[in-house]
Amino acid sequence: MAPSSSSGSTLLLVVVVLVNGMYDVLCFLAIFCLPRWHQKQKQRKKNAGADGDSSSSSSRFNMAVEKVASMLGEMHSSVFLSPMMNEDDDDGGVYSESNDCSSIQTVVALPKLQRRVLAYWILTYGLARMLCAIFFVVAGEGDDGGKLLLMIVVSATYFVEALAFGLEDLLFLSTVRSKSAWIYGTSFALGIWSLLVGIDKI
């Protein structure tokens, strides 16, 4: 029963990591491409106004795509708070003394550059997770050392994510706690799970 249980846990983790990696890549595309999508849609509306009405089916499809992309794009960026600028502060901005999202000052609004940098970071660990999950499945039965290395890489991505969001939440108070606590809590748990699966392969 023990080997079967261990195999089931490993398979479940690989699926979770693969889906999580694909989700991260989609979030990157949404954050990075959505502004350009908006620009193209505005241009198309202008052209449609000049040349005649566009088809309603195409319009509904575009609205659906934009809604899904907006939702994915805001999954990560909406975690962060908008700073109240203070010229005397060394960091160029300060946040409210509480990040429980009970104040009107906790409106989310990341500048364009910060959103793009966040998107690059999401893509980095998203690709790492997705590729590690794929290589883990492709690896042969006897390649336990390789599988251990892959799980160490996966766990490292989760620990770094947990550390980043944990520091931003607990030290810098720059995130919405109800959202960031979920992220660094689940990331830490997945990091531990990945390590245990990797060690089990030794």
Protein backbone atom coordinates (compact mmCIF):
# COMPACT_ATOMS: atom_id res chain seq x y z
CA MET A 1 0.00 0.00 0.00
CA ALA A 2 2.85 2.42 0.76
CA PRO A 3 4.37 2.45 -2.76
CA SER A 4 0.92 2.90 -4.32
CA SER A 5 0.11 5.78 -1.97
CA SER A 6 3.47 7.41 -2.67
CA SER A 7 2.96 7.03 -6.42
CA GLY A 8 -0.49 8.60 -6.18
CA SER A 9 0.85 11.55 -4.21
CA THR A 10 3.66 12.05 -6.73
CA LEU A 11 1.26 11.98 -9.68
CA LEU A 12 -1.07 14.46 -7.98
CA LEU A 13 1.82 16.84 -7.27
CA VAL A 14 3.08 16.65 -10.87
CA VAL A 15 -0.41 17.50 -12.15
CA VAL A 16 -0.73 20.41 -9.67
CA VAL A 17 2.69 21.79 -10.63
CA LEU A 18 1.98 21.42 -14.37
CA VAL A 19 -1.41 23.17 -14.13
CA ASN A 20 0.08 25.85 -11.88
CA GLY A 21 2.88 26.47 -14.38
CA MET A 22 0.42 26.74 -17.28
CA TYR A 23 -1.72 29.12 -15.22
CA ASP A 24 1.32 31.32 -14.51
CA VAL A 25 2.19 31.48 -18.21
CA LEU A 26 -1.39 32.50 -19.01
CA CYS A 27 -1.22 35.18 -16.31
CA PHE A 28 1.97 36.52 -17.90
CA LEU A 29 0.30 36.69 -21.30
CA ALA A 30 -2.72 38.45 -19.78
CA ILE A 31 -0.65 41.06 -17.93
CA PHE A 32 1.73 41.64 -20.82
CA CYS A 33 -0.71 41.53 -23.74
CA LEU A 34 -3.89 43.06 -22.27
CA PRO A 35 -2.84 46.72 -22.73
CA ARG A 36 -2.01 46.03 -26.37
CA TRP A 37 -5.33 44.20 -26.72
CA HIS A 38 -7.14 47.28 -25.44
CA GLN A 39 -5.33 49.49 -27.93
CA LYS A 40 -6.23 47.21 -30.83
CA GLN A 41 -9.86 47.04 -29.73
CA LYS A 42 -10.08 50.82 -29.55
CA GLN A 43 -8.63 51.09 -33.03
CA ARG A 44 -11.05 48.48 -34.36
CA LYS A 45 -13.99 50.34 -32.81
CA LYS A 46 -12.87 53.53 -34.51
CA ASN A 47 -12.54 51.72 -37.81
CA ALA A 48 -15.92 50.03 -37.31
CA GLY A 49 -17.49 53.40 -36.61
CA ALA A 50 -16.12 54.72 -39.87
CA ASP A 51 -16.81 51.64 -42.02
CA GLY A 52 -19.98 50.39 -40.38
CA ASP A 53 -20.98 48.17 -37.43
CA SER A 54 -18.90 45.09 -36.73
CA SER A 55 -20.59 41.71 -36.29
CA SER A 56 -22.23 41.15 -32.91
CA SER A 57 -20.79 37.63 -32.60
CA SER A 58 -17.25 38.94 -33.05
CA SER A 59 -17.93 41.68 -30.52
CA ARG A 60 -19.21 39.20 -27.93
CA PHE A 61 -16.18 36.97 -28.49
CA ASN A 62 -13.82 39.92 -28.00
CA MET A 63 -15.62 40.92 -24.80
CA ALA A 64 -15.36 37.36 -23.45
CA VAL A 65 -11.65 37.16 -24.26
CA GLU A 66 -11.05 40.56 -22.64
CA LYS A 67 -12.97 39.56 -19.51
CA VAL A 68 -10.96 36.35 -19.05
CA ALA A 69 -7.67 38.13 -19.77
CA SER A 70 -8.51 40.91 -17.32
CA MET A 71 -9.34 38.37 -14.62
CA LEU A 72 -6.07 36.48 -15.15
CA GLY A 73 -4.06 39.70 -15.32
CA GLU A 74 -5.46 40.98 -12.04
CA MET A 75 -4.91 37.70 -10.15
CA HIS A 76 -1.37 38.74 -9.24
CA SER A 77 -1.31 42.50 -9.69
CA SER A 78 -4.38 43.07 -7.51
CA VAL A 79 -2.48 41.61 -4.54
CA PHE A 80 -0.37 44.77 -4.26
CA LEU A 81 -1.44 48.07 -2.75
CA SER A 82 -1.04 51.52 -4.21
CA PRO A 83 1.54 53.54 -2.19
CA MET A 84 0.84 56.99 -0.78
CA MET A 85 3.76 58.99 -2.13
CA ASN A 86 5.99 60.69 0.40
CA GLU A 87 9.05 62.65 -0.74
CA ASP A 88 10.79 62.18 2.60
CA ASP A 89 10.65 58.40 2.41
CA ASP A 90 13.79 56.61 1.19
CA ASP A 91 11.78 54.09 -0.83
CA GLY A 92 9.93 56.82 -2.70
CA GLY A 93 6.61 55.88 -1.18
CA VAL A 94 4.97 54.62 2.00
CA TYR A 95 1.97 52.42 2.61
CA SER A 96 -0.80 52.68 5.15
CA GLU A 97 -0.02 51.33 8.60
CA SER A 98 -2.45 48.47 8.06
CA ASN A 99 -2.87 46.20 5.06
CA ASP A 100 -6.17 44.62 6.08
CA CYS A 101 -7.83 46.38 3.12
CA SER A 102 -10.23 48.28 5.40
CA SER A 103 -9.05 51.67 4.20
CA ILE A 104 -9.81 53.51 0.97
CA GLN A 105 -6.04 53.95 0.61
CA THR A 106 -5.66 50.29 -0.33
CA VAL A 107 -6.78 50.77 -3.92
CA VAL A 108 -4.65 48.62 -6.23
CA ALA A 109 -2.85 50.38 -9.05
CA LEU A 110 0.53 49.12 -10.20
CA PRO A 111 2.41 51.31 -12.69
CA LYS A 112 2.94 49.85 -16.16
CA LEU A 113 6.63 49.09 -15.62
CA GLN A 114 5.97 47.27 -12.34
CA ARG A 115 3.21 45.26 -13.99
CA ARG A 116 5.56 44.17 -16.78
CA VAL A 117 8.36 43.26 -14.35
CA LEU A 118 5.83 41.26 -12.32
CA ALA A 119 4.76 39.52 -15.53
CA TYR A 120 8.38 38.59 -16.38
CA TRP A 121 8.86 37.17 -12.89
CA ILE A 122 5.64 35.13 -13.13
CA LEU A 123 6.75 33.78 -16.51
CA THR A 124 10.15 32.76 -15.08
CA TYR A 125 8.85 30.50 -12.34
CA GLY A 126 5.81 29.44 -14.40
CA LEU A 127 8.02 28.04 -17.16
CA ALA A 128 10.31 26.39 -14.59
CA ARG A 129 7.36 24.59 -12.97
CA MET A 130 5.76 23.56 -16.25
CA LEU A 131 9.00 22.22 -17.77
CA CYS A 132 10.02 20.42 -14.56
CA ALA A 133 6.64 18.67 -14.44
CA ILE A 134 6.96 17.60 -18.08
CA PHE A 135 10.56 16.37 -17.66
CA PHE A 136 9.56 14.53 -14.47
CA VAL A 137 6.99 12.54 -16.43
CA VAL A 138 9.35 11.94 -19.37
CA ALA A 139 12.24 10.82 -17.13
CA GLY A 140 12.81 7.09 -16.92
CA GLU A 141 11.94 4.97 -13.91
CA GLY A 142 15.58 4.63 -12.86
CA ASP A 143 16.41 8.34 -13.05
CA ASP A 144 15.67 9.09 -9.39
CA GLY A 145 18.56 11.55 -9.11
CA GLY A 146 17.19 13.59 -12.01
CA LYS A 147 13.71 13.56 -10.52
CA LEU A 148 15.09 14.73 -7.18
CA LEU A 149 16.83 17.64 -8.91
CA LEU A 150 13.63 18.58 -10.74
CA MET A 151 11.65 18.59 -7.48
CA ILE A 152 14.34 20.72 -5.80
CA VAL A 153 13.96 23.28 -8.60
CA VAL A 154 10.17 23.22 -8.24
CA SER A 155 10.34 23.60 -4.46
CA ALA A 156 12.81 26.49 -4.86
CA THR A 157 10.34 28.39 -7.08
CA TYR A 158 7.62 27.97 -4.46
CA PHE A 159 9.87 28.95 -1.55
CA VAL A 160 11.03 32.09 -3.40
CA GLU A 161 7.43 33.02 -4.17
CA ALA A 162 6.43 32.43 -0.55
CA LEU A 163 9.39 34.51 0.67
CA ALA A 164 8.66 37.37 -1.73
CA PHE A 165 4.97 37.70 -0.91
CA GLY A 166 5.62 37.04 2.78
CA LEU A 167 8.16 39.86 3.01
CA GLU A 168 5.96 42.25 1.04
CA ASP A 169 3.03 41.46 3.33
CA LEU A 170 4.62 41.19 6.77
CA LEU A 171 7.60 43.55 6.46
CA PHE A 172 6.66 46.16 3.86
CA LEU A 173 2.84 46.02 4.26
CA SER A 174 2.53 46.43 0.50
CA THR A 175 -0.06 43.72 -0.19
CA VAL A 176 -3.67 42.92 0.60
CA ARG A 177 -3.15 40.44 3.44
CA SER A 178 -6.15 38.26 2.69
CA LYS A 179 -4.75 37.65 -0.81
CA SER A 180 -1.01 37.50 -0.14
CA ALA A 181 -1.38 35.20 2.89
CA TRP A 182 -3.09 32.65 0.66
CA ILE A 183 -0.27 32.90 -1.88
CA TYR A 184 2.68 32.52 0.47
CA GLY A 185 0.85 29.93 2.57
CA THR A 186 0.05 27.64 -0.35
CA SER A 187 3.45 28.29 -1.97
CA PHE A 188 5.25 27.21 1.20
CA ALA A 189 3.07 24.09 1.47
CA LEU A 190 3.71 23.17 -2.17
CA GLY A 191 7.44 23.76 -1.65
CA ILE A 192 7.48 21.31 1.27
CA TRP A 193 5.40 18.80 -0.70
CA SER A 194 7.78 19.02 -3.67
CA LEU A 195 10.80 18.44 -1.44
CA LEU A 196 9.20 15.42 0.22
CA VAL A 197 8.37 13.87 -3.16
CA GLY A 198 11.91 14.51 -4.36
CA ILE A 199 13.47 13.00 -1.24
CA ASP A 200 11.18 9.99 -1.62
CA LYS A 201 12.89 9.32 -4.98
CA ILE A 202 16.34 8.87 -3.37
